[in-house]
């Protein structure tokens, strides 16, 4: 029996704010159309779309506040035996590392629409909700189109392609890979936010509107982890989670205009890659997206992150 397919698409334009973007709503619409062709249902049971489109009310559970984003992520990963797809298009930032696992002192983050009141969502928090809590026998693919996104979910194996298509494995985060550049280069289109405690408070508030689903927050006692504790993030969980991110941790990700339509450059490059080859390997996906961005004069460097050590040259992208 084929696995159930579920998708979560998040597009935030920050409408009416000083930080407004243009292409994020189009990004999730384009990804939704692509997923429909790839066998994903567009029913509310199988696909959740969060957007700050004027058609979505602030009080709606589909408005992309930090609370609703975490709740939707819990829904996405909470059921076993599923093929999962997550796309995020919006601002990315960096905030102070609160648990001491980054030699740079900074966590990547994504930026909910209510970040000024409630803070950003750190890579530590995203890892807990998407990887630690992911139910058994699931696969999760993440497309992250935002600034400072190279290790936004803190996966242990990080790969980059150079301009000639050669792929290199970066040191994993546990060993202290320095994936960010100088602090002066960090804040361009991204954000910083000092009140990181407020992001953690979202955990307590994330009593999801997707009620009745069991979360997978517990770890086996033989692994030395107490129930509900966020631990084991750097590979010991051995979850089949893969992520294509739009740039390195120290880069911004372009808000582009292609063929008259506002779009994220990374989202465009990914969809173009999939048009060229319906079943590329992980290596081909990384190489072709890099080539397309280079050819279009975008300086951002996409990265591939994995929860497992995969054979990138021979394993087809799992969607």
C-alpha atoms as a PDB file:
ATOM      1  CA  UNK A   1       0.000   0.000   0.000  1.00  0.00           C
ATOM      2  CA  UNK A   2       1.328   3.425  -0.966  1.00  0.00           C
ATOM      3  CA  UNK A   3       2.189   5.728   1.913  1.00  0.00           C
ATOM      4  CA  UNK A   4      -0.100   8.629   2.639  1.00  0.00           C
ATOM      5  CA  UNK A   5       1.322  11.933   1.356  1.00  0.00           C
ATOM      6  CA  UNK A   6       0.996  15.096   3.444  1.00  0.00           C
ATOM      7  CA  UNK A   7       2.268  18.598   2.733  1.00  0.00           C
ATOM      8  CA  UNK A   8       2.680  21.838   4.661  1.00  0.00           C
ATOM      9  CA  UNK A   9       3.269  25.025   2.659  1.00  0.00           C
ATOM     10  CA  UNK A  10       4.098  28.307   4.418  1.00  0.00           C
ATOM     11  CA  UNK A  11       4.311  31.594   2.509  1.00  0.00           C
ATOM     12  CA  UNK A  12       4.729  34.918   4.316  1.00  0.00           C
ATOM     13  CA  UNK A  13       4.898  38.271   2.513  1.00  0.00           C
ATOM     14  CA  UNK A  14       4.644  40.356   5.751  1.00  0.00           C
ATOM     15  CA  UNK A  15       1.916  42.343   4.055  1.00  0.00           C
ATOM     16  CA  UNK A  16       1.840  46.034   4.944  1.00  0.00           C
ATOM     17  CA  UNK A  17       5.007  45.912   7.048  1.00  0.00           C
ATOM     18  CA  UNK A  18       8.406  47.522   6.571  1.00  0.00           C
ATOM     19  CA  UNK A  19       9.781  44.047   5.835  1.00  0.00           C
ATOM     20  CA  UNK A  20       7.343  43.163   3.044  1.00  0.00           C
ATOM     21  CA  UNK A  21       8.268  40.560   0.451  1.00  0.00           C
ATOM     22  CA  UNK A  22       6.546  39.996  -2.879  1.00  0.00           C
ATOM     23  CA  UNK A  23       6.886  36.388  -4.017  1.00  0.00           C
ATOM     24  CA  UNK A  24       6.130  34.119  -1.089  1.00  0.00           C
ATOM     25  CA  UNK A  25       2.407  33.658  -1.758  1.00  0.00           C
ATOM     26  CA  UNK A  26       3.189  32.789  -5.383  1.00  0.00           C
ATOM     27  CA  UNK A  27       5.847  30.349  -4.200  1.00  0.00           C
ATOM     28  CA  UNK A  28       3.450  28.204  -2.217  1.00  0.00           C
ATOM     29  CA  UNK A  29       0.839  28.329  -4.976  1.00  0.00           C
ATOM     30  CA  UNK A  30       3.437  27.092  -7.475  1.00  0.00           C
ATOM     31  CA  UNK A  31       4.646  24.372  -5.111  1.00  0.00           C
ATOM     32  CA  UNK A  32       1.039  23.293  -4.463  1.00  0.00           C
ATOM     33  CA  UNK A  33       0.484  22.890  -8.201  1.00  0.00           C
ATOM     34  CA  UNK A  34       3.722  20.899  -8.527  1.00  0.00           C
ATOM     35  CA  UNK A  35       2.781  18.598  -5.638  1.00  0.00           C
ATOM     36  CA  UNK A  36      -0.637  17.924  -7.156  1.00  0.00           C
ATOM     37  CA  UNK A  37       1.125  16.584 -10.245  1.00  0.00           C
ATOM     38  CA  UNK A  38       3.309  14.440  -7.975  1.00  0.00           C
ATOM     39  CA  UNK A  39       0.400  12.652  -6.322  1.00  0.00           C
ATOM     40  CA  UNK A  40      -0.180  14.865  -3.286  1.00  0.00           C
ATOM     41  CA  UNK A  41      -3.810  15.533  -2.428  1.00  0.00           C
ATOM     42  CA  UNK A  42      -4.964  19.139  -2.064  1.00  0.00           C
ATOM     43  CA  UNK A  43      -7.637  18.217   0.488  1.00  0.00           C
ATOM     44  CA  UNK A  44      -7.548  19.905   3.885  1.00  0.00           C
ATOM     45  CA  UNK A  45      -6.898  16.489   5.401  1.00  0.00           C
ATOM     46  CA  UNK A  46      -3.615  16.131   3.501  1.00  0.00           C
ATOM     47  CA  UNK A  47      -2.407  19.669   2.773  1.00  0.00           C
ATOM     48  CA  UNK A  48      -2.151  22.676   5.061  1.00  0.00           C
ATOM     49  CA  UNK A  49      -1.253  26.094   3.651  1.00  0.00           C
ATOM     50  CA  UNK A  50      -0.363  28.985   5.952  1.00  0.00           C
ATOM     51  CA  UNK A  51      -0.318  32.456   4.430  1.00  0.00           C
ATOM     52  CA  UNK A  52      -0.740  36.113   5.374  1.00  0.00           C
ATOM     53  CA  UNK A  53      -2.757  36.695   2.238  1.00  0.00           C
ATOM     54  CA  UNK A  54      -5.496  39.309   2.769  1.00  0.00           C
ATOM     55  CA  UNK A  55      -7.988  36.469   2.294  1.00  0.00           C
ATOM     56  CA  UNK A  56      -6.752  34.776   5.508  1.00  0.00           C
ATOM     57  CA  UNK A  57      -7.997  36.357   8.736  1.00  0.00           C
ATOM     58  CA  UNK A  58      -5.560  37.033  11.578  1.00  0.00           C
ATOM     59  CA  UNK A  59      -7.596  34.812  13.902  1.00  0.00           C
ATOM     60  CA  UNK A  60      -7.498  31.900  11.463  1.00  0.00           C
ATOM     61  CA  UNK A  61      -5.387  28.832  12.302  1.00  0.00           C
ATOM     62  CA  UNK A  62      -4.005  29.200   8.756  1.00  0.00           C
ATOM     63  CA  UNK A  63      -2.441  32.610   9.491  1.00  0.00           C
ATOM     64  CA  UNK A  64       1.348  32.080   9.870  1.00  0.00           C
ATOM     65  CA  UNK A  65       1.938  33.106  13.469  1.00  0.00           C
ATOM     66  CA  UNK A  66       4.650  31.264  15.372  1.00  0.00           C
ATOM     67  CA  UNK A  67       2.007  29.339  17.285  1.00  0.00           C
ATOM     68  CA  UNK A  68       0.249  28.192  14.121  1.00  0.00           C
ATOM     69  CA  UNK A  69       3.475  27.289  12.310  1.00  0.00           C
ATOM     70  CA  UNK A  70       4.576  24.996  15.145  1.00  0.00           C
ATOM     71  CA  UNK A  71       1.103  23.489  15.402  1.00  0.00           C
ATOM     72  CA  UNK A  72       1.073  22.788  11.677  1.00  0.00           C
ATOM     73  CA  UNK A  73       4.515  21.189  11.868  1.00  0.00           C
ATOM     74  CA  UNK A  74       3.292  18.933  14.666  1.00  0.00           C
ATOM     75  CA  UNK A  75       0.353  17.927  12.459  1.00  0.00           C
ATOM     76  CA  UNK A  76       2.663  17.222   9.523  1.00  0.00           C
ATOM     77  CA  UNK A  77       4.987  14.818  11.325  1.00  0.00           C
ATOM     78  CA  UNK A  78       2.584  13.333  13.878  1.00  0.00           C
ATOM     79  CA  UNK A  79       1.292  10.324  11.917  1.00  0.00           C
ATOM     80  CA  UNK A  80       3.404   7.229  11.097  1.00  0.00           C
ATOM     81  CA  UNK A  81       3.950   5.753   7.654  1.00  0.00           C
ATOM     82  CA  UNK A  82       3.707   8.974   5.645  1.00  0.00           C
ATOM     83  CA  UNK A  83       5.642  10.765   2.923  1.00  0.00           C
ATOM     84  CA  UNK A  84       5.941  14.401   3.987  1.00  0.00           C
ATOM     85  CA  UNK A  85       6.783  17.659   2.195  1.00  0.00           C
ATOM     86  CA  UNK A  86       7.412  21.041   3.826  1.00  0.00           C
ATOM     87  CA  UNK A  87       7.996  24.290   1.987  1.00  0.00           C
ATOM     88  CA  UNK A  88       8.780  27.593   3.685  1.00  0.00           C
ATOM     89  CA  UNK A  89       9.067  30.881   1.820  1.00  0.00           C
ATOM     90  CA  UNK A  90       9.599  34.013   3.883  1.00  0.00           C
ATOM     91  CA  UNK A  91      12.221  35.819   5.907  1.00  0.00           C
ATOM     92  CA  UNK A  92      14.989  33.925   7.639  1.00  0.00           C
ATOM     93  CA  UNK A  93      17.192  35.292  10.374  1.00  0.00           C
ATOM     94  CA  UNK A  94      19.658  34.424  13.088  1.00  0.00           C
ATOM     95  CA  UNK A  95      19.212  34.655  16.840  1.00  0.00           C
ATOM     96  CA  UNK A  96      21.397  33.998  19.819  1.00  0.00           C
ATOM     97  CA  UNK A  97      22.034  30.291  20.426  1.00  0.00           C
ATOM     98  CA  UNK A  98      20.396  29.405  23.736  1.00  0.00           C
ATOM     99  CA  UNK A  99      21.537  25.789  24.169  1.00  0.00           C
ATOM    100  CA  UNK A 100      25.234  26.177  23.411  1.00  0.00           C
ATOM    101  CA  UNK A 101      25.538  23.779  20.469  1.00  0.00           C
ATOM    102  CA  UNK A 102      26.752  26.389  17.969  1.00  0.00           C
ATOM    103  CA  UNK A 103      30.347  27.550  18.015  1.00  0.00           C
ATOM    104  CA  UNK A 104      29.187  30.720  16.281  1.00  0.00           C
ATOM    105  CA  UNK A 105      26.783  31.548  19.099  1.00  0.00           C
ATOM    106  CA  UNK A 106      23.944  31.911  16.578  1.00  0.00           C
ATOM    107  CA  UNK A 107      20.991  29.763  15.543  1.00  0.00           C
ATOM    108  CA  UNK A 108      19.334  30.055  12.157  1.00  0.00           C
ATOM    109  CA  UNK A 109      15.672  30.961  12.409  1.00  0.00           C
ATOM    110  CA  UNK A 110      12.506  31.455  10.420  1.00  0.00           C
ATOM    111  CA  UNK A 111      10.399  34.556  10.943  1.00  0.00           C
ATOM    112  CA  UNK A 112       6.664  34.199  11.691  1.00  0.00           C
ATOM    113  CA  UNK A 113       4.367  37.050  10.824  1.00  0.00           C
ATOM    114  CA  UNK A 114       4.121  37.969  14.535  1.00  0.00           C
ATOM    115  CA  UNK A 115       7.873  37.884  15.192  1.00  0.00           C
ATOM    116  CA  UNK A 116       7.931  41.388  16.650  1.00  0.00           C
ATOM    117  CA  UNK A 117       5.626  40.300  19.484  1.00  0.00           C
ATOM    118  CA  UNK A 118       6.564  36.632  19.927  1.00  0.00           C
ATOM    119  CA  UNK A 119      10.045  36.192  18.485  1.00  0.00           C
ATOM    120  CA  UNK A 120      11.501  34.002  15.765  1.00  0.00           C
ATOM    121  CA  UNK A 121      11.564  30.194  15.573  1.00  0.00           C
ATOM    122  CA  UNK A 122      15.112  28.922  16.062  1.00  0.00           C
ATOM    123  CA  UNK A 123      16.734  25.985  14.289  1.00  0.00           C
ATOM    124  CA  UNK A 124      16.757  24.160  17.630  1.00  0.00           C
ATOM    125  CA  UNK A 125      12.997  24.558  17.901  1.00  0.00           C
ATOM    126  CA  UNK A 126      12.444  23.557  14.262  1.00  0.00           C
ATOM    127  CA  UNK A 127      14.537  20.438  14.737  1.00  0.00           C
ATOM    128  CA  UNK A 128      12.511  19.381  17.737  1.00  0.00           C
ATOM    129  CA  UNK A 129       9.155  19.810  16.003  1.00  0.00           C
ATOM    130  CA  UNK A 130      10.147  18.367  12.635  1.00  0.00           C
ATOM    131  CA  UNK A 131      12.791  15.727  13.370  1.00  0.00           C
ATOM    132  CA  UNK A 132      12.635  14.677  17.017  1.00  0.00           C
ATOM    133  CA  UNK A 133       8.835  14.444  16.906  1.00  0.00           C
ATOM    134  CA  UNK A 134       8.562  12.797  13.508  1.00  0.00           C
ATOM    135  CA  UNK A 135       6.553   9.577  13.734  1.00  0.00           C
ATOM    136  CA  UNK A 136       8.075   6.209  12.710  1.00  0.00           C
ATOM    137  CA  UNK A 137       8.403   5.108   9.094  1.00  0.00           C
ATOM    138  CA  UNK A 138       8.087   8.597   7.634  1.00  0.00           C
ATOM    139  CA  UNK A 139      10.218  10.500   5.160  1.00  0.00           C
ATOM    140  CA  UNK A 140      10.337  14.287   5.172  1.00  0.00           C
ATOM    141  CA  UNK A 141      11.623  16.575   2.420  1.00  0.00           C
ATOM    142  CA  UNK A 142      12.019  20.274   3.216  1.00  0.00           C
ATOM    143  CA  UNK A 143      12.445  23.136   0.757  1.00  0.00           C
ATOM    144  CA  UNK A 144      13.600  26.222   2.641  1.00  0.00           C
ATOM    145  CA  UNK A 145      13.560  29.461   0.627  1.00  0.00           C
ATOM    146  CA  UNK A 146      14.803  32.111   3.025  1.00  0.00           C
ATOM    147  CA  UNK A 147      17.929  33.880   4.215  1.00  0.00           C
ATOM    148  CA  UNK A 148      20.414  32.227   6.575  1.00  0.00           C
ATOM    149  CA  UNK A 149      18.878  28.807   5.956  1.00  0.00           C
ATOM    150  CA  UNK A 150      21.854  26.499   5.492  1.00  0.00           C
ATOM    151  CA  UNK A 151      21.358  24.645   8.775  1.00  0.00           C
ATOM    152  CA  UNK A 152      17.854  25.829   9.616  1.00  0.00           C
ATOM    153  CA  UNK A 153      16.786  22.364  10.851  1.00  0.00           C
ATOM    154  CA  UNK A 154      20.170  21.309  12.292  1.00  0.00           C
ATOM    155  CA  UNK A 155      20.659  18.144  10.245  1.00  0.00           C
ATOM    156  CA  UNK A 156      24.049  16.460  10.646  1.00  0.00           C
ATOM    157  CA  UNK A 157      25.192  16.009   7.027  1.00  0.00           C
ATOM    158  CA  UNK A 158      25.547  19.217   5.021  1.00  0.00           C
ATOM    159  CA  UNK A 159      26.608  19.277   1.351  1.00  0.00           C
ATOM    160  CA  UNK A 160      27.438  22.021  -1.124  1.00  0.00           C
ATOM    161  CA  UNK A 161      28.101  21.992  -4.847  1.00  0.00           C
ATOM    162  CA  UNK A 162      30.734  24.226  -6.437  1.00  0.00           C
ATOM    163  CA  UNK A 163      30.393  25.906  -9.823  1.00  0.00           C
ATOM    164  CA  UNK A 164      31.829  22.803 -11.522  1.00  0.00           C
ATOM    165  CA  UNK A 165      29.264  20.502  -9.909  1.00  0.00           C
ATOM    166  CA  UNK A 166      31.641  18.938  -7.386  1.00  0.00           C
ATOM    167  CA  UNK A 167      29.892  18.158  -4.095  1.00  0.00           C
ATOM    168  CA  UNK A 168      31.657  18.473  -0.762  1.00  0.00           C
ATOM    169  CA  UNK A 169      30.544  17.354   2.690  1.00  0.00           C
ATOM    170  CA  UNK A 170      30.776  20.022   5.358  1.00  0.00           C
ATOM    171  CA  UNK A 171      31.740  19.172   8.938  1.00  0.00           C
ATOM    172  CA  UNK A 172      28.616  18.399  10.892  1.00  0.00           C
ATOM    173  CA  UNK A 173      27.265  20.803  13.484  1.00  0.00           C
ATOM    174  CA  UNK A 174      28.278  18.631  16.419  1.00  0.00           C
ATOM    175  CA  UNK A 175      31.906  19.140  15.477  1.00  0.00           C
ATOM    176  CA  UNK A 176      31.415  22.842  15.365  1.00  0.00           C
ATOM    177  CA  UNK A 177      31.203  23.637  11.671  1.00  0.00           C
ATOM    178  CA  UNK A 178      31.406  27.378  11.249  1.00  0.00           C
ATOM    179  CA  UNK A 179      28.736  27.881   8.625  1.00  0.00           C
ATOM    180  CA  UNK A 180      28.205  31.592   9.267  1.00  0.00           C
ATOM    181  CA  UNK A 181      30.387  34.464   8.197  1.00  0.00           C
ATOM    182  CA  UNK A 182      31.259  37.738   9.854  1.00  0.00           C
ATOM    183  CA  UNK A 183      28.514  39.322  11.922  1.00  0.00           C
ATOM    184  CA  UNK A 184      28.550  42.401   9.722  1.00  0.00           C
ATOM    185  CA  UNK A 185      27.356  40.275   6.800  1.00  0.00           C
ATOM    186  CA  UNK A 186      24.478  38.616   8.629  1.00  0.00           C
ATOM    187  CA  UNK A 187      21.750  41.205   8.556  1.00  0.00           C
ATOM    188  CA  UNK A 188      20.741  42.195   5.067  1.00  0.00           C
ATOM    189  CA  UNK A 189      17.276  40.959   4.273  1.00  0.00           C
ATOM    190  CA  UNK A 190      17.159  38.836   7.431  1.00  0.00           C
ATOM    191  CA  UNK A 191      16.432  39.683  11.043  1.00  0.00           C
ATOM    192  CA  UNK A 192      17.919  39.331  14.473  1.00  0.00           C
ATOM    193  CA  UNK A 193      15.871  39.207  17.640  1.00  0.00           C
ATOM    194  CA  UNK A 194      17.107  39.294  21.225  1.00  0.00           C
ATOM    195  CA  UNK A 195      14.072  37.993  23.060  1.00  0.00           C
ATOM    196  CA  UNK A 196      14.799  34.358  22.244  1.00  0.00           C
ATOM    197  CA  UNK A 197      12.927  33.175  25.319  1.00  0.00           C
ATOM    198  CA  UNK A 198       9.699  34.187  23.648  1.00  0.00           C
ATOM    199  CA  UNK A 199      10.316  31.701  20.827  1.00  0.00           C
ATOM    200  CA  UNK A 200      10.680  28.915  23.368  1.00  0.00           C
ATOM    201  CA  UNK A 201       7.436  29.971  25.023  1.00  0.00           C
ATOM    202  CA  UNK A 202       5.668  29.039  21.810  1.00  0.00           C
ATOM    203  CA  UNK A 203       6.155  25.399  22.798  1.00  0.00           C
ATOM    204  CA  UNK A 204       3.902  25.864  25.808  1.00  0.00           C
ATOM    205  CA  UNK A 205       1.357  27.693  23.707  1.00  0.00           C
ATOM    206  CA  UNK A 206       1.274  25.274  20.785  1.00  0.00           C
ATOM    207  CA  UNK A 207      -1.925  23.508  21.779  1.00  0.00           C
ATOM    208  CA  UNK A 208      -2.649  22.798  18.167  1.00  0.00           C
ATOM    209  CA  UNK A 209      -5.903  23.264  16.317  1.00  0.00           C
ATOM    210  CA  UNK A 210      -5.034  19.855  14.879  1.00  0.00           C
ATOM    211  CA  UNK A 211      -6.339  18.183  17.994  1.00  0.00           C
ATOM    212  CA  UNK A 212      -6.275  14.463  18.669  1.00  0.00           C
ATOM    213  CA  UNK A 213      -2.947  13.730  16.994  1.00  0.00           C
ATOM    214  CA  UNK A 214      -0.277  12.149  19.137  1.00  0.00           C
ATOM    215  CA  UNK A 215       3.127  13.804  19.084  1.00  0.00           C
ATOM    216  CA  UNK A 216       6.289  11.762  19.003  1.00  0.00           C
ATOM    217  CA  UNK A 217       8.331  13.663  21.567  1.00  0.00           C
ATOM    218  CA  UNK A 218       9.628  10.703  23.539  1.00  0.00           C
ATOM    219  CA  UNK A 219      12.957   8.982  23.066  1.00  0.00           C
ATOM    220  CA  UNK A 220      13.989   5.479  24.063  1.00  0.00           C
ATOM    221  CA  UNK A 221      15.265   5.231  27.623  1.00  0.00           C
ATOM    222  CA  UNK A 222      18.265   3.165  26.512  1.00  0.00           C
ATOM    223  CA  UNK A 223      19.456   6.221  24.584  1.00  0.00           C
ATOM    224  CA  UNK A 224      19.746   8.018  27.896  1.00  0.00           C
ATOM    225  CA  UNK A 225      17.117  10.600  27.054  1.00  0.00           C
ATOM    226  CA  UNK A 226      14.216  11.483  29.285  1.00  0.00           C
ATOM    227  CA  UNK A 227      10.714  11.608  27.784  1.00  0.00           C
ATOM    228  CA  UNK A 228       9.996  14.905  26.096  1.00  0.00           C
ATOM    229  CA  UNK A 229      13.586  16.109  26.266  1.00  0.00           C
ATOM    230  CA  UNK A 230      15.082  17.607  23.112  1.00  0.00           C
ATOM    231  CA  UNK A 231      18.224  15.583  22.622  1.00  0.00           C
ATOM    232  CA  UNK A 232      20.047  13.394  20.155  1.00  0.00           C
ATOM    233  CA  UNK A 233      19.708  15.970  17.409  1.00  0.00           C
ATOM    234  CA  UNK A 234      22.979  15.465  15.566  1.00  0.00           C
ATOM    235  CA  UNK A 235      22.364  12.210  13.774  1.00  0.00           C
ATOM    236  CA  UNK A 236      21.602   9.751  16.550  1.00  0.00           C
ATOM    237  CA  UNK A 237      17.892   9.973  15.735  1.00  0.00           C
ATOM    238  CA  UNK A 238      18.604   8.617  12.235  1.00  0.00           C
ATOM    239  CA  UNK A 239      15.499  10.098  10.659  1.00  0.00           C
ATOM    240  CA  UNK A 240      15.022  10.212   6.874  1.00  0.00           C
ATOM    241  CA  UNK A 241      14.816  13.992   6.694  1.00  0.00           C
ATOM    242  CA  UNK A 242      16.379  15.896   3.789  1.00  0.00           C
ATOM    243  CA  UNK A 243      16.405  19.628   3.121  1.00  0.00           C
ATOM    244  CA  UNK A 244      17.337  21.823   0.192  1.00  0.00           C
ATOM    245  CA  UNK A 245      18.009  25.343   1.461  1.00  0.00           C
ATOM    246  CA  UNK A 246      18.308  28.461  -0.627  1.00  0.00           C
ATOM    247  CA  UNK A 247      21.666  29.620   0.691  1.00  0.00           C
ATOM    248  CA  UNK A 248      24.426  29.239   3.244  1.00  0.00           C
ATOM    249  CA  UNK A 249      23.907  30.380   6.821  1.00  0.00           C
ATOM    250  CA  UNK A 250      25.765  33.621   6.108  1.00  0.00           C
ATOM    251  CA  UNK A 251      23.838  34.513   2.938  1.00  0.00           C
ATOM    252  CA  UNK A 252      20.569  36.097   1.960  1.00  0.00           C
ATOM    253  CA  UNK A 253      18.099  34.468  -0.399  1.00  0.00           C
ATOM    254  CA  UNK A 254      16.791  36.498  -3.316  1.00  0.00           C
ATOM    255  CA  UNK A 255      13.236  37.694  -3.784  1.00  0.00           C
ATOM    256  CA  UNK A 256      13.162  37.567  -7.580  1.00  0.00           C
ATOM    257  CA  UNK A 257      10.947  38.493 -10.501  1.00  0.00           C
ATOM    258  CA  UNK A 258      10.983  35.817 -13.200  1.00  0.00           C
ATOM    259  CA  UNK A 259       8.817  35.915 -16.334  1.00  0.00           C
ATOM    260  CA  UNK A 260       6.823  38.773 -14.833  1.00  0.00           C
ATOM    261  CA  UNK A 261       6.020  36.940 -11.587  1.00  0.00           C
ATOM    262  CA  UNK A 262       7.407  37.593  -8.123  1.00  0.00           C
ATOM    263  CA  UNK A 263       8.964  34.441  -6.726  1.00  0.00           C
ATOM    264  CA  UNK A 264      11.734  33.178  -4.493  1.00  0.00           C
ATOM    265  CA  UNK A 265      14.819  32.375  -6.552  1.00  0.00           C
ATOM    266  CA  UNK A 266      15.331  29.050  -4.778  1.00  0.00           C
ATOM    267  CA  UNK A 267      11.721  27.957  -5.255  1.00  0.00           C
ATOM    268  CA  UNK A 268      11.978  28.808  -8.957  1.00  0.00           C
ATOM    269  CA  UNK A 269      15.286  26.930  -9.328  1.00  0.00           C
ATOM    270  CA  UNK A 270      13.907  23.835  -7.584  1.00  0.00           C
ATOM    271  CA  UNK A 271      10.798  23.711  -9.770  1.00  0.00           C
ATOM    272  CA  UNK A 272      12.888  24.206 -12.911  1.00  0.00           C
ATOM    273  CA  UNK A 273      15.156  21.365 -11.781  1.00  0.00           C
ATOM    274  CA  UNK A 274      12.168  19.066 -11.374  1.00  0.00           C
ATOM    275  CA  UNK A 275      10.916  20.024 -14.842  1.00  0.00           C
ATOM    276  CA  UNK A 276      14.221  18.935 -16.338  1.00  0.00           C
ATOM    277  CA  UNK A 277      14.220  15.577 -14.544  1.00  0.00           C
ATOM    278  CA  UNK A 278      11.194  14.121 -12.753  1.00  0.00           C
ATOM    279  CA  UNK A 279      13.334  11.773 -10.671  1.00  0.00           C
ATOM    280  CA  UNK A 280      16.748  13.337 -10.093  1.00  0.00           C
ATOM    281  CA  UNK A 281      19.223  12.001  -7.587  1.00  0.00           C
ATOM    282  CA  UNK A 282      19.993  14.135  -4.565  1.00  0.00           C
ATOM    283  CA  UNK A 283      23.325  15.050  -6.155  1.00  0.00           C
ATOM    284  CA  UNK A 284      21.673  16.109  -9.421  1.00  0.00           C
ATOM    285  CA  UNK A 285      19.109  18.202  -7.556  1.00  0.00           C
ATOM    286  CA  UNK A 286      21.819  20.105  -5.707  1.00  0.00           C
ATOM    287  CA  UNK A 287      23.996  20.518  -8.803  1.00  0.00           C
ATOM    288  CA  UNK A 288      21.244  21.708 -11.158  1.00  0.00           C
ATOM    289  CA  UNK A 289      19.729  24.187  -8.693  1.00  0.00           C
ATOM    290  CA  UNK A 290      23.219  25.657  -8.188  1.00  0.00           C
ATOM    291  CA  UNK A 291      23.717  25.892 -11.964  1.00  0.00           C
ATOM    292  CA  UNK A 292      20.370  27.613 -12.500  1.00  0.00           C
ATOM    293  CA  UNK A 293      21.029  30.165  -9.790  1.00  0.00           C
ATOM    294  CA  UNK A 294      24.529  30.836 -11.131  1.00  0.00           C
ATOM    295  CA  UNK A 295      23.258  31.228 -14.682  1.00  0.00           C
ATOM    296  CA  UNK A 296      20.679  33.750 -13.467  1.00  0.00           C
ATOM    297  CA  UNK A 297      23.396  35.700 -11.615  1.00  0.00           C
ATOM    298  CA  UNK A 298      22.185  34.879  -8.113  1.00  0.00           C
ATOM    299  CA  UNK A 299      25.116  34.639  -5.714  1.00  0.00           C
ATOM    300  CA  UNK A 300      23.344  32.470  -3.121  1.00  0.00           C
ATOM    301  CA  UNK A 301      24.681  28.923  -2.794  1.00  0.00           C
ATOM    302  CA  UNK A 302      22.059  26.199  -2.175  1.00  0.00           C
ATOM    303  CA  UNK A 303      22.813  23.440   0.292  1.00  0.00           C
ATOM    304  CA  UNK A 304      21.580  19.915   0.894  1.00  0.00           C
ATOM    305  CA  UNK A 305      21.218  18.707   4.471  1.00  0.00           C
ATOM    306  CA  UNK A 306      20.389  15.137   5.506  1.00  0.00           C
ATOM    307  CA  UNK A 307      19.528  13.318   8.693  1.00  0.00           C
ATOM    308  CA  UNK A 308      21.349  10.223   7.386  1.00  0.00           C
ATOM    309  CA  UNK A 309      24.538   9.638   5.431  1.00  0.00           C
ATOM    310  CA  UNK A 310      23.025   9.043   1.976  1.00  0.00           C
ATOM    311  CA  UNK A 311      24.405   7.879  -1.355  1.00  0.00           C
ATOM    312  CA  UNK A 312      23.710  11.166  -3.109  1.00  0.00           C
ATOM    313  CA  UNK A 313      24.885  10.016  -6.523  1.00  0.00           C
ATOM    314  CA  UNK A 314      22.579   7.023  -6.775  1.00  0.00           C
ATOM    315  CA  UNK A 315      19.586   7.687  -4.535  1.00  0.00           C
ATOM    316  CA  UNK A 316      16.628   9.424  -6.209  1.00  0.00           C
ATOM    317  CA  UNK A 317      15.078  12.362  -4.411  1.00  0.00           C
ATOM    318  CA  UNK A 318      12.208  11.098  -2.243  1.00  0.00           C
ATOM    319  CA  UNK A 319       9.079  13.200  -2.762  1.00  0.00           C
END
